[in-house]
């Protein structure tokens, strides 16, 4: 199936204007108190949910 009509520049640009960069949401690490991304291992202590998963940087 091909598009029936060409989409105008205004419609294309209006649709693309909704795609914005979103700032990463940070939470506090319960073990060391550093800022970390949710559902990721802490970059300072390497722990996630009380277990050590990664080497600290």
C-alpha atoms as a PDB file:
ATOM      1  CA  UNK A   1       0.000   0.000   0.000  1.00  0.00           C
ATOM      2  CA  UNK A   2       1.309   3.380  -0.938  1.00  0.00           C
ATOM      3  CA  UNK A   3       0.146   6.709   0.461  1.00  0.00           C
ATOM      4  CA  UNK A   4      -2.755   8.127  -1.514  1.00  0.00           C
ATOM      5  CA  UNK A   5      -1.608  11.739  -1.243  1.00  0.00           C
ATOM      6  CA  UNK A   6       1.548  13.639  -0.458  1.00  0.00           C
ATOM      7  CA  UNK A   7       1.780  14.910   3.122  1.00  0.00           C
ATOM      8  CA  UNK A   8       2.333  18.654   3.265  1.00  0.00           C
ATOM      9  CA  UNK A   9       5.427  20.185   4.882  1.00  0.00           C
ATOM     10  CA  UNK A  10       3.328  21.800   7.592  1.00  0.00           C
ATOM     11  CA  UNK A  11       1.775  18.488   8.641  1.00  0.00           C
ATOM     12  CA  UNK A  12       5.132  16.710   8.560  1.00  0.00           C
ATOM     13  CA  UNK A  13       6.870  19.377  10.615  1.00  0.00           C
ATOM     14  CA  UNK A  14       4.000  19.585  13.103  1.00  0.00           C
ATOM     15  CA  UNK A  15       4.197  15.843  13.663  1.00  0.00           C
ATOM     16  CA  UNK A  16       7.996  15.896  14.023  1.00  0.00           C
ATOM     17  CA  UNK A  17       7.842  18.824  16.462  1.00  0.00           C
ATOM     18  CA  UNK A  18       6.404  16.471  19.089  1.00  0.00           C
ATOM     19  CA  UNK A  19       9.660  14.429  19.257  1.00  0.00           C
ATOM     20  CA  UNK A  20      11.662  16.083  22.020  1.00  0.00           C
ATOM     21  CA  UNK A  21      14.621  14.964  24.083  1.00  0.00           C
ATOM     22  CA  UNK A  22      13.548  14.017  27.598  1.00  0.00           C
ATOM     23  CA  UNK A  23      15.756  14.546  30.600  1.00  0.00           C
ATOM     24  CA  UNK A  24      16.801  11.326  32.341  1.00  0.00           C
ATOM     25  CA  UNK A  25      14.902  10.740  35.591  1.00  0.00           C
ATOM     26  CA  UNK A  26      17.262  10.260  38.496  1.00  0.00           C
ATOM     27  CA  UNK A  27      16.695   8.667  41.875  1.00  0.00           C
ATOM     28  CA  UNK A  28      18.904   8.190  44.902  1.00  0.00           C
ATOM     29  CA  UNK A  29      20.889   5.004  45.391  1.00  0.00           C
ATOM     30  CA  UNK A  30      19.740   3.419  48.677  1.00  0.00           C
ATOM     31  CA  UNK A  31      23.219   2.123  49.553  1.00  0.00           C
ATOM     32  CA  UNK A  32      25.489   5.110  48.808  1.00  0.00           C
ATOM     33  CA  UNK A  33      23.045   7.993  48.223  1.00  0.00           C
ATOM     34  CA  UNK A  34      24.402   8.964  44.794  1.00  0.00           C
ATOM     35  CA  UNK A  35      22.163   9.930  41.865  1.00  0.00           C
ATOM     36  CA  UNK A  36      21.374   7.005  39.578  1.00  0.00           C
ATOM     37  CA  UNK A  37      18.948   6.151  36.791  1.00  0.00           C
ATOM     38  CA  UNK A  38      15.911   4.124  37.798  1.00  0.00           C
ATOM     39  CA  UNK A  39      16.192   0.356  37.146  1.00  0.00           C
ATOM     40  CA  UNK A  40      19.965   0.616  36.505  1.00  0.00           C
ATOM     41  CA  UNK A  41      22.941  -0.382  38.637  1.00  0.00           C
ATOM     42  CA  UNK A  42      24.521   2.535  40.497  1.00  0.00           C
ATOM     43  CA  UNK A  43      27.629   3.860  38.745  1.00  0.00           C
ATOM     44  CA  UNK A  44      29.293   4.774  42.060  1.00  0.00           C
ATOM     45  CA  UNK A  45      28.895   1.571  44.091  1.00  0.00           C
ATOM     46  CA  UNK A  46      27.736  -0.908  41.413  1.00  0.00           C
ATOM     47  CA  UNK A  47      24.727  -2.167  43.366  1.00  0.00           C
ATOM     48  CA  UNK A  48      21.160  -2.748  42.215  1.00  0.00           C
ATOM     49  CA  UNK A  49      18.433  -3.910  44.613  1.00  0.00           C
ATOM     50  CA  UNK A  50      20.986  -4.785  47.293  1.00  0.00           C
ATOM     51  CA  UNK A  51      23.190  -6.921  45.046  1.00  0.00           C
ATOM     52  CA  UNK A  52      26.501  -6.010  43.423  1.00  0.00           C
ATOM     53  CA  UNK A  53      26.183  -6.264  39.648  1.00  0.00           C
ATOM     54  CA  UNK A  54      28.848  -4.012  38.182  1.00  0.00           C
ATOM     55  CA  UNK A  55      32.277  -2.760  39.139  1.00  0.00           C
ATOM     56  CA  UNK A  56      32.127   0.835  40.367  1.00  0.00           C
ATOM     57  CA  UNK A  57      33.657   3.379  38.031  1.00  0.00           C
END
